[in-house]
N, C-alpha and C. Protein backbone atom coordinates (compact mmCIF):
# COMPACT_ATOMS: atom_id res chain seq x y z
N MET A 1 84.63 94.19 103.71
CA MET A 1 84.33 92.87 103.22
C MET A 1 84.15 91.94 104.42
N ARG A 2 83.11 91.14 104.35
CA ARG A 2 82.88 90.17 105.42
C ARG A 2 83.83 88.99 105.24
N LEU A 3 84.14 88.36 106.34
CA LEU A 3 85.06 87.23 106.33
C LEU A 3 84.53 86.08 105.46
N THR A 4 83.24 85.85 105.48
CA THR A 4 82.67 84.78 104.65
C THR A 4 82.86 85.07 103.16
N GLU A 5 82.71 86.32 102.76
CA GLU A 5 82.93 86.70 101.37
C GLU A 5 84.41 86.52 101.01
N PHE A 6 85.30 86.92 101.91
CA PHE A 6 86.73 86.74 101.70
C PHE A 6 87.06 85.27 101.48
N GLN A 7 86.55 84.41 102.35
CA GLN A 7 86.84 82.98 102.24
C GLN A 7 86.31 82.40 100.94
N GLU A 8 85.15 82.85 100.52
CA GLU A 8 84.58 82.38 99.26
C GLU A 8 85.47 82.78 98.08
N LEU A 9 85.92 84.02 98.06
CA LEU A 9 86.81 84.48 97.00
C LEU A 9 88.13 83.71 97.02
N LEU A 10 88.68 83.53 98.20
CA LEU A 10 89.95 82.81 98.37
C LEU A 10 89.84 81.38 97.84
N HIS A 11 88.78 80.69 98.21
CA HIS A 11 88.60 79.30 97.79
C HIS A 11 88.27 79.19 96.31
N THR A 12 87.56 80.14 95.78
CA THR A 12 87.24 80.12 94.35
C THR A 12 88.50 80.35 93.52
N GLU A 13 89.32 81.28 93.95
CA GLU A 13 90.51 81.64 93.18
C GLU A 13 91.63 80.61 93.30
N PHE A 14 91.87 80.12 94.51
CA PHE A 14 93.04 79.27 94.76
C PHE A 14 92.70 77.82 95.08
N GLY A 15 91.43 77.52 95.24
CA GLY A 15 91.04 76.18 95.71
C GLY A 15 91.04 76.17 97.23
N THR A 16 90.28 75.27 97.79
CA THR A 16 90.11 75.26 99.24
C THR A 16 91.43 74.98 99.97
N ALA A 17 92.11 73.91 99.61
CA ALA A 17 93.33 73.52 100.33
C ALA A 17 94.43 74.57 100.15
N ARG A 18 94.67 74.98 98.90
CA ARG A 18 95.75 75.95 98.67
C ARG A 18 95.40 77.31 99.29
N GLY A 19 94.14 77.72 99.15
CA GLY A 19 93.72 78.99 99.74
C GLY A 19 93.90 79.02 101.24
N ASP A 20 93.49 77.94 101.90
CA ASP A 20 93.66 77.86 103.35
C ASP A 20 95.14 77.87 103.74
N ALA A 21 95.97 77.17 102.95
CA ALA A 21 97.40 77.15 103.22
C ALA A 21 98.02 78.53 103.03
N LEU A 22 97.64 79.22 101.95
CA LEU A 22 98.17 80.56 101.72
C LEU A 22 97.79 81.49 102.87
N LEU A 23 96.57 81.41 103.30
CA LEU A 23 96.09 82.28 104.37
C LEU A 23 96.84 82.01 105.68
N ALA A 24 97.09 80.76 105.98
CA ALA A 24 97.69 80.40 107.26
C ALA A 24 99.22 80.47 107.26
N ASP A 25 99.85 80.17 106.12
CA ASP A 25 101.30 79.97 106.12
C ASP A 25 102.10 81.01 105.35
N HIS A 26 101.50 81.67 104.39
CA HIS A 26 102.25 82.59 103.54
C HIS A 26 102.33 83.99 104.17
N VAL A 27 103.55 84.44 104.39
CA VAL A 27 103.74 85.80 104.92
C VAL A 27 103.62 86.77 103.75
N ILE A 28 102.69 87.69 103.85
CA ILE A 28 102.48 88.71 102.83
C ILE A 28 103.50 89.82 103.08
N PRO A 29 104.45 89.99 102.16
CA PRO A 29 105.55 90.95 102.40
C PRO A 29 105.07 92.36 102.75
N SER A 30 104.04 92.83 102.08
CA SER A 30 103.57 94.19 102.33
C SER A 30 102.94 94.35 103.72
N MET A 31 102.57 93.23 104.34
CA MET A 31 101.96 93.27 105.67
C MET A 31 102.89 92.75 106.75
N GLY A 32 103.91 92.00 106.35
CA GLY A 32 104.85 91.46 107.31
C GLY A 32 104.29 90.35 108.19
N GLN A 33 103.20 89.77 107.77
CA GLN A 33 102.57 88.69 108.53
C GLN A 33 101.69 87.87 107.60
N THR A 34 101.20 86.75 108.09
CA THR A 34 100.30 85.95 107.27
C THR A 34 98.95 86.65 107.16
N GLY A 35 98.18 86.24 106.18
CA GLY A 35 96.84 86.81 106.04
C GLY A 35 95.98 86.53 107.25
N ALA A 36 96.10 85.31 107.78
CA ALA A 36 95.31 84.95 108.97
C ALA A 36 95.68 85.83 110.16
N ASP A 37 96.98 86.06 110.34
CA ASP A 37 97.42 86.92 111.45
C ASP A 37 96.95 88.36 111.24
N ALA A 38 97.00 88.82 110.00
CA ALA A 38 96.56 90.19 109.70
C ALA A 38 95.08 90.36 110.02
N ILE A 39 94.27 89.40 109.59
CA ILE A 39 92.83 89.48 109.86
C ILE A 39 92.57 89.42 111.37
N GLU A 40 93.28 88.54 112.04
CA GLU A 40 93.12 88.42 113.49
C GLU A 40 93.51 89.72 114.20
N ALA A 41 94.48 90.45 113.63
CA ALA A 41 94.93 91.71 114.22
C ALA A 41 94.01 92.88 113.86
N GLY A 42 92.98 92.62 113.05
CA GLY A 42 92.01 93.66 112.75
C GLY A 42 92.11 94.27 111.37
N VAL A 43 92.99 93.75 110.52
CA VAL A 43 93.09 94.23 109.14
C VAL A 43 91.84 93.79 108.39
N ASP A 44 91.29 94.68 107.59
CA ASP A 44 90.10 94.37 106.80
C ASP A 44 90.44 93.21 105.84
N PRO A 45 89.61 92.17 105.80
CA PRO A 45 89.85 91.07 104.87
C PRO A 45 90.01 91.53 103.42
N ARG A 46 89.37 92.62 103.04
CA ARG A 46 89.51 93.15 101.68
C ARG A 46 90.97 93.54 101.40
N ASP A 47 91.63 94.11 102.39
CA ASP A 47 93.03 94.50 102.22
C ASP A 47 93.92 93.26 102.09
N VAL A 48 93.61 92.22 102.85
CA VAL A 48 94.35 90.97 102.74
C VAL A 48 94.11 90.36 101.36
N TRP A 49 92.86 90.36 100.90
CA TRP A 49 92.52 89.82 99.59
C TRP A 49 93.30 90.56 98.49
N ARG A 50 93.30 91.86 98.55
CA ARG A 50 94.01 92.65 97.54
C ARG A 50 95.51 92.37 97.56
N ALA A 51 96.08 92.22 98.74
CA ALA A 51 97.50 91.93 98.84
C ALA A 51 97.83 90.56 98.25
N LEU A 52 97.00 89.57 98.54
CA LEU A 52 97.21 88.24 97.97
C LEU A 52 97.05 88.27 96.45
N CYS A 53 96.03 88.96 95.98
CA CYS A 53 95.81 89.06 94.53
C CYS A 53 97.00 89.71 93.84
N SER A 54 97.50 90.76 94.43
CA SER A 54 98.64 91.46 93.85
C SER A 54 99.87 90.56 93.80
N GLU A 55 100.11 89.87 94.88
CA GLU A 55 101.30 89.04 94.97
C GLU A 55 101.24 87.82 94.04
N PHE A 56 100.06 87.28 93.84
CA PHE A 56 99.92 86.07 93.04
C PHE A 56 99.35 86.35 91.64
N ASP A 57 99.45 87.60 91.20
CA ASP A 57 99.09 88.00 89.85
C ASP A 57 97.67 87.61 89.44
N VAL A 58 96.73 87.76 90.37
CA VAL A 58 95.33 87.55 90.04
C VAL A 58 94.87 88.75 89.21
N PRO A 59 94.20 88.53 88.08
CA PRO A 59 93.74 89.66 87.27
C PRO A 59 92.89 90.62 88.07
N ARG A 60 93.10 91.90 87.86
CA ARG A 60 92.40 92.95 88.62
C ARG A 60 90.88 92.81 88.57
N ALA A 61 90.36 92.26 87.51
CA ALA A 61 88.91 92.10 87.39
C ALA A 61 88.33 91.20 88.48
N ARG A 62 89.18 90.37 89.09
CA ARG A 62 88.70 89.46 90.14
C ARG A 62 89.05 89.94 91.54
N TRP A 63 89.59 91.14 91.66
CA TRP A 63 89.91 91.71 92.98
C TRP A 63 88.64 92.18 93.61
């Protein structure tokens, strides 16, 4: 998944401000780091998206 696609999904699902805050500040337990840190470390944005969706009970149809 491209980063632009990830950001579009994030902003559509959570809103721009909340999505950006989740990405920057929320530590994803399964990754042990924030989504932004995970992406910076080379984790595929799709994996970060799936982890956020799982944690915040986003319906699977939107994963």
